[in-house]
Amino acid sequence: MGEGERDARAYSTREECMPALMPVLRGVLDALREAGIRHVQFDDPHLCLFVDPRVRRQYDDPEGEMDLCVNLLNDILDGFDDLDTAIHLCRRNKARQGWVGEGGYGPLMPHLARLNVKSYMLQLPLPVAADHHAL
């Protein structure tokens, strides 16, 4: 996803890489559906980081970045309405090094409302989610 020399040799930008992943992820969903799987969960380690004001400040357009995340996920899920879909909003637990995304889910709510999933898996009982009441 644009982190490191090896990635740069394959794709010049992460935005160039993302559309290439779409058919792969849709293919996985299709294979799961054909195998009889009806419940799928995406683990999103990027979108949830925008709960953190420090992360939002790292982007020229954090709202646009969150929109990009939601649009890509919705594109992957398009046509899979027969599956029970969920999103796990991961805060990147780094064990003893701590968590990456600190803060309440409030900044994500307008974007999550547009996400075409049936369930949300939030990490609430954590010290870094202390503003969880601000949902």
N, C-alpha and C. Protein backbone atom coordinates (compact mmCIF):
# COMPACT_ATOMS: atom_id res chain seq x y z
N MET A 1 0.83 -1.21 0.00
CA MET A 1 0.00 0.00 0.00
C MET A 1 0.86 1.25 0.00
N GLY A 2 1.96 1.19 -0.70
CA GLY A 2 2.79 2.37 -0.84
C GLY A 2 3.78 2.59 0.28
N GLU A 3 4.04 1.57 1.05
CA GLU A 3 4.98 1.71 2.15
C GLU A 3 6.22 0.89 1.86
N GLY A 4 7.24 1.53 1.37
CA GLY A 4 8.49 0.82 1.15
C GLY A 4 8.86 0.68 -0.31
N GLU A 5 10.12 0.35 -0.51
CA GLU A 5 10.69 0.25 -1.85
C GLU A 5 10.05 -0.87 -2.67
N ARG A 6 9.78 -2.01 -2.05
CA ARG A 6 9.18 -3.14 -2.78
C ARG A 6 7.82 -2.76 -3.33
N ASP A 7 7.00 -2.09 -2.54
CA ASP A 7 5.69 -1.66 -3.02
C ASP A 7 5.83 -0.66 -4.16
N ALA A 8 6.79 0.24 -4.07
CA ALA A 8 6.98 1.27 -5.10
C ALA A 8 7.37 0.66 -6.44
N ARG A 9 8.01 -0.48 -6.43
CA ARG A 9 8.36 -1.13 -7.69
C ARG A 9 7.12 -1.69 -8.38
N ALA A 10 6.12 -2.10 -7.62
CA ALA A 10 4.90 -2.68 -8.20
C ALA A 10 3.90 -1.59 -8.59
N TYR A 11 3.70 -0.61 -7.72
CA TYR A 11 2.74 0.47 -7.96
C TYR A 11 3.38 1.78 -7.52
N SER A 12 3.26 2.79 -8.34
CA SER A 12 3.90 4.06 -7.99
C SER A 12 3.20 4.77 -6.84
N THR A 13 1.90 4.53 -6.67
CA THR A 13 1.15 5.12 -5.55
C THR A 13 0.21 4.07 -4.98
N ARG A 14 -0.22 4.30 -3.78
CA ARG A 14 -1.19 3.36 -3.20
C ARG A 14 -2.53 3.49 -3.90
N GLU A 15 -2.85 4.68 -4.40
CA GLU A 15 -4.10 4.88 -5.13
C GLU A 15 -4.10 4.06 -6.43
N GLU A 16 -2.93 3.79 -6.97
CA GLU A 16 -2.81 2.94 -8.16
C GLU A 16 -2.99 1.47 -7.77
N CYS A 17 -2.57 1.12 -6.57
CA CYS A 17 -2.66 -0.26 -6.09
C CYS A 17 -4.09 -0.66 -5.74
N MET A 18 -4.83 0.26 -5.17
CA MET A 18 -6.16 -0.06 -4.64
C MET A 18 -7.11 -0.67 -5.68
N PRO A 19 -7.25 -0.09 -6.87
CA PRO A 19 -8.15 -0.70 -7.85
C PRO A 19 -7.70 -2.10 -8.27
N ALA A 20 -6.40 -2.36 -8.21
CA ALA A 20 -5.89 -3.69 -8.57
C ALA A 20 -6.31 -4.74 -7.54
N LEU A 21 -6.53 -4.32 -6.31
CA LEU A 21 -6.96 -5.25 -5.27
C LEU A 21 -8.45 -5.59 -5.34
N MET A 22 -9.22 -4.72 -5.95
CA MET A 22 -10.67 -4.90 -5.97
C MET A 22 -11.10 -6.25 -6.53
N PRO A 23 -10.65 -6.65 -7.72
CA PRO A 23 -11.10 -7.96 -8.23
C PRO A 23 -10.63 -9.12 -7.37
N VAL A 24 -9.49 -8.97 -6.73
CA VAL A 24 -8.99 -10.04 -5.85
C VAL A 24 -9.93 -10.20 -4.67
N LEU A 25 -10.25 -9.11 -4.00
CA LEU A 25 -11.13 -9.18 -2.82
C LEU A 25 -12.54 -9.60 -3.20
N ARG A 26 -13.04 -9.12 -4.32
CA ARG A 26 -14.36 -9.55 -4.78
C ARG A 26 -14.34 -11.04 -5.13
N GLY A 27 -13.23 -11.52 -5.68
CA GLY A 27 -13.09 -12.94 -5.98
C GLY A 27 -13.12 -13.79 -4.72
N VAL A 28 -12.49 -13.30 -3.67
CA VAL A 28 -12.51 -14.02 -2.39
C VAL A 28 -13.95 -14.08 -1.87
N LEU A 29 -14.66 -12.96 -1.92
CA LEU A 29 -16.05 -12.97 -1.47
C LEU A 29 -16.89 -13.94 -2.29
N ASP A 30 -16.69 -13.94 -3.58
CA ASP A 30 -17.44 -14.84 -4.45
C ASP A 30 -17.14 -16.29 -4.11
N ALA A 31 -15.87 -16.62 -3.87
CA ALA A 31 -15.49 -17.99 -3.52
C ALA A 31 -16.09 -18.39 -2.18
N LEU A 32 -16.08 -17.48 -1.22
CA LEU A 32 -16.69 -17.77 0.08
C LEU A 32 -18.19 -18.02 -0.06
N ARG A 33 -18.85 -17.19 -0.84
CA ARG A 33 -20.29 -17.37 -1.05
C ARG A 33 -20.56 -18.72 -1.71
N GLU A 34 -19.78 -19.07 -2.72
CA GLU A 34 -19.98 -20.35 -3.40
C GLU A 34 -19.71 -21.54 -2.48
N ALA A 35 -18.85 -21.35 -1.48
CA ALA A 35 -18.56 -22.42 -0.52
C ALA A 35 -19.62 -22.51 0.57
N GLY A 36 -20.61 -21.62 0.52
CA GLY A 36 -21.69 -21.67 1.51
C GLY A 36 -21.50 -20.73 2.69
N ILE A 37 -20.45 -19.95 2.69
CA ILE A 37 -20.21 -19.00 3.78
C ILE A 37 -21.19 -17.85 3.63
N ARG A 38 -21.82 -17.47 4.70
CA ARG A 38 -22.80 -16.38 4.64
C ARG A 38 -22.43 -15.20 5.54
N HIS A 39 -21.42 -15.36 6.39
CA HIS A 39 -21.01 -14.29 7.30
C HIS A 39 -19.56 -13.94 7.01
N VAL A 40 -19.32 -12.70 6.64
CA VAL A 40 -17.95 -12.26 6.36
C VAL A 40 -17.67 -10.96 7.12
N GLN A 41 -16.45 -10.83 7.55
CA GLN A 41 -16.04 -9.63 8.27
C GLN A 41 -14.77 -9.08 7.65
N PHE A 42 -14.77 -7.79 7.37
CA PHE A 42 -13.57 -7.10 6.93
C PHE A 42 -12.90 -6.49 8.14
N ASP A 43 -11.61 -6.61 8.21
CA ASP A 43 -10.84 -5.99 9.27
C ASP A 43 -10.20 -4.75 8.65
N ASP A 44 -10.64 -3.58 9.07
CA ASP A 44 -10.14 -2.35 8.48
C ASP A 44 -9.19 -1.66 9.44
N PRO A 45 -7.88 -1.76 9.17
CA PRO A 45 -6.91 -1.14 10.06
C PRO A 45 -6.58 0.31 9.72
N HIS A 46 -7.25 0.88 8.72
CA HIS A 46 -6.93 2.25 8.30
C HIS A 46 -8.02 3.24 8.70
N LEU A 47 -9.24 2.96 8.34
CA LEU A 47 -10.34 3.88 8.59
C LEU A 47 -10.46 4.25 10.06
N CYS A 48 -10.34 3.28 10.93
CA CYS A 48 -10.54 3.54 12.36
C CYS A 48 -9.47 4.46 12.95
N LEU A 49 -8.33 4.54 12.32
CA LEU A 49 -7.27 5.40 12.86
C LEU A 49 -7.67 6.87 12.83
N PHE A 50 -8.67 7.21 12.03
CA PHE A 50 -9.10 8.60 11.94
C PHE A 50 -9.92 9.05 13.15
N VAL A 51 -10.09 8.16 14.12
CA VAL A 51 -10.65 8.59 15.41
C VAL A 51 -9.65 9.50 16.11
N ASP A 52 -8.40 9.35 15.75
CA ASP A 52 -7.31 10.04 16.43
C ASP A 52 -7.01 11.38 15.76
N PRO A 53 -7.11 12.49 16.49
CA PRO A 53 -6.83 13.79 15.89
C PRO A 53 -5.41 13.90 15.34
N ARG A 54 -4.47 13.17 15.95
CA ARG A 54 -3.09 13.20 15.44
C ARG A 54 -3.01 12.58 14.05
N VAL A 55 -3.76 11.51 13.84
CA VAL A 55 -3.78 10.86 12.52
C VAL A 55 -4.46 11.78 11.51
N ARG A 56 -5.57 12.38 11.89
CA ARG A 56 -6.28 13.28 10.97
C ARG A 56 -5.38 14.44 10.52
N ARG A 57 -4.54 14.93 11.42
CA ARG A 57 -3.65 16.05 11.07
C ARG A 57 -2.56 15.64 10.07
N GLN A 58 -2.31 14.36 9.91
CA GLN A 58 -1.29 13.89 8.98
C GLN A 58 -1.76 13.93 7.52
N TYR A 59 -3.02 14.17 7.30
CA TYR A 59 -3.59 14.15 5.95
C TYR A 59 -4.07 15.54 5.56
N ASP A 60 -3.81 15.92 4.32
CA ASP A 60 -4.31 17.20 3.81
C ASP A 60 -5.83 17.22 3.79
N ASP A 61 -6.44 16.05 3.51
CA ASP A 61 -7.88 15.95 3.41
C ASP A 61 -8.35 14.68 4.13
N PRO A 62 -8.41 14.72 5.47
CA PRO A 62 -8.80 13.51 6.19
C PRO A 62 -10.22 13.05 5.85
N GLU A 63 -11.12 13.98 5.60
CA GLU A 63 -12.49 13.60 5.22
C GLU A 63 -12.48 12.85 3.90
N GLY A 64 -11.67 13.32 2.97
CA GLY A 64 -11.54 12.65 1.68
C GLY A 64 -10.94 11.26 1.81
N GLU A 65 -9.99 11.11 2.73
CA GLU A 65 -9.38 9.80 2.96
C GLU A 65 -10.40 8.83 3.55
N MET A 66 -11.22 9.31 4.48
CA MET A 66 -12.26 8.45 5.04
C MET A 66 -13.29 8.09 3.97
N ASP A 67 -13.64 9.06 3.12
CA ASP A 67 -14.55 8.77 2.01
C ASP A 67 -13.97 7.71 1.08
N LEU A 68 -12.68 7.81 0.80
CA LEU A 68 -12.01 6.83 -0.05
C LEU A 68 -12.13 5.43 0.55
N CYS A 69 -11.88 5.31 1.85
CA CYS A 69 -12.00 4.01 2.52
C CYS A 69 -13.40 3.43 2.36
N VAL A 70 -14.41 4.24 2.64
CA VAL A 70 -15.79 3.78 2.56
C VAL A 70 -16.17 3.43 1.13
N ASN A 71 -15.79 4.28 0.19
CA ASN A 71 -16.12 4.01 -1.22
C ASN A 71 -15.50 2.71 -1.71
N LEU A 72 -14.24 2.47 -1.34
CA LEU A 72 -13.59 1.23 -1.76
C LEU A 72 -14.27 0.00 -1.15
N LEU A 73 -14.58 0.07 0.13
CA LEU A 73 -15.26 -1.06 0.76
C LEU A 73 -16.64 -1.28 0.14
N ASN A 74 -17.36 -0.21 -0.10
CA ASN A 74 -18.68 -0.35 -0.73
C ASN A 74 -18.56 -0.94 -2.12
N ASP A 75 -17.53 -0.56 -2.87
CA ASP A 75 -17.33 -1.14 -4.21
C ASP A 75 -17.03 -2.64 -4.12
N ILE A 76 -16.26 -3.03 -3.13
CA ILE A 76 -15.96 -4.46 -2.95
C ILE A 76 -17.23 -5.23 -2.64
N LEU A 77 -18.09 -4.66 -1.80
CA LEU A 77 -19.29 -5.35 -1.34
C LEU A 77 -20.47 -5.27 -2.30
N ASP A 78 -20.37 -4.45 -3.32
CA ASP A 78 -21.48 -4.27 -4.25
C ASP A 78 -21.87 -5.60 -4.90
N GLY A 79 -23.15 -5.95 -4.78
CA GLY A 79 -23.65 -7.19 -5.36
C GLY A 79 -23.60 -8.38 -4.42
N PHE A 80 -23.13 -8.19 -3.22
CA PHE A 80 -23.06 -9.27 -2.24
C PHE A 80 -24.09 -9.06 -1.12
N ASP A 81 -25.25 -8.57 -1.48
CA ASP A 81 -26.29 -8.27 -0.50
C ASP A 81 -26.80 -9.51 0.24
N ASP A 82 -26.58 -10.69 -0.33
CA ASP A 82 -27.03 -11.93 0.31
C ASP A 82 -26.11 -12.37 1.44
N LEU A 83 -24.98 -11.71 1.60
CA LEU A 83 -24.06 -12.05 2.69
C LEU A 83 -24.30 -11.15 3.89
N ASP A 84 -24.11 -11.71 5.08
CA ASP A 84 -24.10 -10.90 6.30
C ASP A 84 -22.70 -10.33 6.44
N THR A 85 -22.58 -9.04 6.23
CA THR A 85 -21.27 -8.40 6.22
C THR A 85 -21.04 -7.59 7.48
N ALA A 86 -19.80 -7.57 7.90
CA ALA A 86 -19.43 -6.80 9.08
C ALA A 86 -18.10 -6.11 8.82
N ILE A 87 -17.88 -5.04 9.54
CA ILE A 87 -16.60 -4.35 9.50
C ILE A 87 -16.05 -4.29 10.93
N HIS A 88 -14.82 -4.69 11.08
CA HIS A 88 -14.14 -4.56 12.37
C HIS A 88 -13.25 -3.34 12.26
N LEU A 89 -13.49 -2.36 13.07
CA LEU A 89 -12.71 -1.14 13.06
C LEU A 89 -11.56 -1.30 14.04
N CYS A 90 -10.43 -1.66 13.48
CA CYS A 90 -9.26 -2.04 14.25
C CYS A 90 -8.43 -0.83 14.64
N ARG A 91 -7.97 -0.82 15.87
CA ARG A 91 -7.12 0.26 16.36
C ARG A 91 -5.64 -0.12 16.34
N ARG A 92 -5.32 -1.16 15.61
CA ARG A 92 -3.94 -1.62 15.47
C ARG A 92 -3.26 -1.85 16.82
N ASN A 93 -3.68 -2.88 17.47
CA ASN A 93 -3.09 -3.27 18.74
C ASN A 93 -1.66 -3.74 18.49
N LYS A 94 -0.72 -3.04 19.11
CA LYS A 94 0.69 -3.41 18.98
C LYS A 94 1.22 -3.99 20.28
N ALA A 95 0.35 -4.70 20.96
CA ALA A 95 0.70 -5.37 22.22
C ALA A 95 1.30 -4.39 23.21
N ARG A 96 2.50 -4.64 23.67
CA ARG A 96 3.10 -3.80 24.71
C ARG A 96 3.44 -2.40 24.22
N GLN A 97 3.45 -2.20 22.92
CA GLN A 97 3.71 -0.87 22.39
C GLN A 97 2.46 0.00 22.41
N GLY A 98 1.31 -0.61 22.66
CA GLY A 98 0.07 0.15 22.77
C GLY A 98 -0.77 0.13 21.51
N TRP A 99 -1.68 1.07 21.45
CA TRP A 99 -2.64 1.18 20.36
C TRP A 99 -2.27 2.38 19.51
N VAL A 100 -2.69 2.35 18.26
CA VAL A 100 -2.38 3.44 17.36
C VAL A 100 -3.47 4.50 17.38
N GLY A 101 -4.72 4.13 17.24
CA GLY A 101 -5.81 5.09 17.13
C GLY A 101 -6.47 5.38 18.46
N GLU A 102 -6.32 6.61 18.97
CA GLU A 102 -6.93 6.99 20.24
C GLU A 102 -8.04 7.99 19.99
N GLY A 103 -9.16 7.79 20.68
CA GLY A 103 -10.26 8.74 20.58
C GLY A 103 -11.58 8.06 20.32
N GLY A 104 -12.64 8.85 20.41
CA GLY A 104 -13.99 8.35 20.20
C GLY A 104 -14.32 8.20 18.73
N TYR A 105 -15.42 7.52 18.45
CA TYR A 105 -15.82 7.21 17.07
C TYR A 105 -16.56 8.36 16.39
N GLY A 106 -16.80 9.45 17.09
CA GLY A 106 -17.56 10.56 16.53
C GLY A 106 -17.11 11.02 15.15
N PRO A 107 -15.80 11.23 14.91
CA PRO A 107 -15.37 11.69 13.59
C PRO A 107 -15.68 10.72 12.45
N LEU A 108 -15.86 9.44 12.78
CA LEU A 108 -16.13 8.43 11.75
C LEU A 108 -17.62 8.28 11.43
N MET A 109 -18.48 8.73 12.32
CA MET A 109 -19.89 8.39 12.21
C MET A 109 -20.53 8.76 10.86
N PRO A 110 -20.30 9.94 10.30
CA PRO A 110 -20.92 10.23 9.00
C PRO A 110 -20.45 9.27 7.90
N HIS A 111 -19.23 8.81 8.01
CA HIS A 111 -18.67 7.90 7.01
C HIS A 111 -19.19 6.48 7.23
N LEU A 112 -19.27 6.07 8.49
CA LEU A 112 -19.79 4.73 8.79
C LEU A 112 -21.25 4.61 8.38
N ALA A 113 -21.99 5.70 8.44
CA ALA A 113 -23.40 5.68 8.04
C ALA A 113 -23.56 5.35 6.56
N ARG A 114 -22.53 5.62 5.77
CA ARG A 114 -22.57 5.33 4.33
C ARG A 114 -22.04 3.94 3.98
N LEU A 115 -21.45 3.27 4.95
CA LEU A 115 -20.83 1.98 4.70
C LEU A 115 -21.90 0.89 4.60
N ASN A 116 -21.86 0.13 3.52
CA ASN A 116 -22.89 -0.89 3.26
C ASN A 116 -22.55 -2.23 3.92
N VAL A 117 -22.52 -2.22 5.24
CA VAL A 117 -22.34 -3.46 6.01
C VAL A 117 -23.52 -3.60 6.94
N LYS A 118 -23.72 -4.81 7.43
CA LYS A 118 -24.85 -5.07 8.32
C LYS A 118 -24.47 -5.01 9.79
N SER A 119 -23.16 -5.12 10.08
CA SER A 119 -22.71 -5.09 11.47
C SER A 119 -21.40 -4.32 11.59
N TYR A 120 -21.24 -3.69 12.74
CA TYR A 120 -20.01 -2.96 13.06
C TYR A 120 -19.41 -3.58 14.30
N MET A 121 -18.14 -3.89 14.25
CA MET A 121 -17.41 -4.44 15.39
C MET A 121 -16.47 -3.35 15.89
N LEU A 122 -16.85 -2.70 16.97
CA LEU A 122 -16.08 -1.58 17.51
C LEU A 122 -15.26 -2.05 18.70
N GLN A 123 -14.14 -1.42 18.92
CA GLN A 123 -13.32 -1.71 20.10
C GLN A 123 -13.62 -0.61 21.12
N LEU A 124 -14.56 -0.89 22.01
CA LEU A 124 -14.98 0.12 22.98
C LEU A 124 -14.35 0.00 24.36
N PRO A 125 -14.17 -1.19 24.92
CA PRO A 125 -13.70 -1.27 26.30
C PRO A 125 -12.19 -1.08 26.42
N LEU A 126 -11.67 -0.06 25.77
CA LEU A 126 -10.24 0.21 25.79
C LEU A 126 -9.99 1.59 26.34
N PRO A 127 -8.91 1.80 27.04
CA PRO A 127 -8.59 3.15 27.50
C PRO A 127 -8.48 4.15 26.36
N VAL A 128 -8.00 3.73 25.18
CA VAL A 128 -7.84 4.64 24.05
C VAL A 128 -9.17 5.02 23.41
N ALA A 129 -10.25 4.32 23.77
CA ALA A 129 -11.58 4.65 23.25
C ALA A 129 -12.40 5.35 24.32
N ALA A 130 -11.71 6.11 25.16
CA ALA A 130 -12.35 6.74 26.31
C ALA A 130 -13.52 7.62 25.92
N ASP A 131 -13.52 8.16 24.72
CA ASP A 131 -14.63 9.01 24.28
C ASP A 131 -15.71 8.21 23.58
N HIS A 132 -15.82 6.91 23.88
CA HIS A 132 -16.80 6.08 23.18
C HIS A 132 -18.22 6.57 23.43
N HIS A 133 -18.45 7.27 24.51
CA HIS A 133 -19.80 7.79 24.78
C HIS A 133 -20.19 8.87 23.79
N ALA A 134 -19.24 9.36 23.01
CA ALA A 134 -19.52 10.41 22.04
C ALA A 134 -20.03 9.83 20.72
N LEU A 135 -20.46 8.57 20.73
CA LEU A 135 -21.01 7.99 19.50
C LEU A 135 -22.22 8.78 19.09
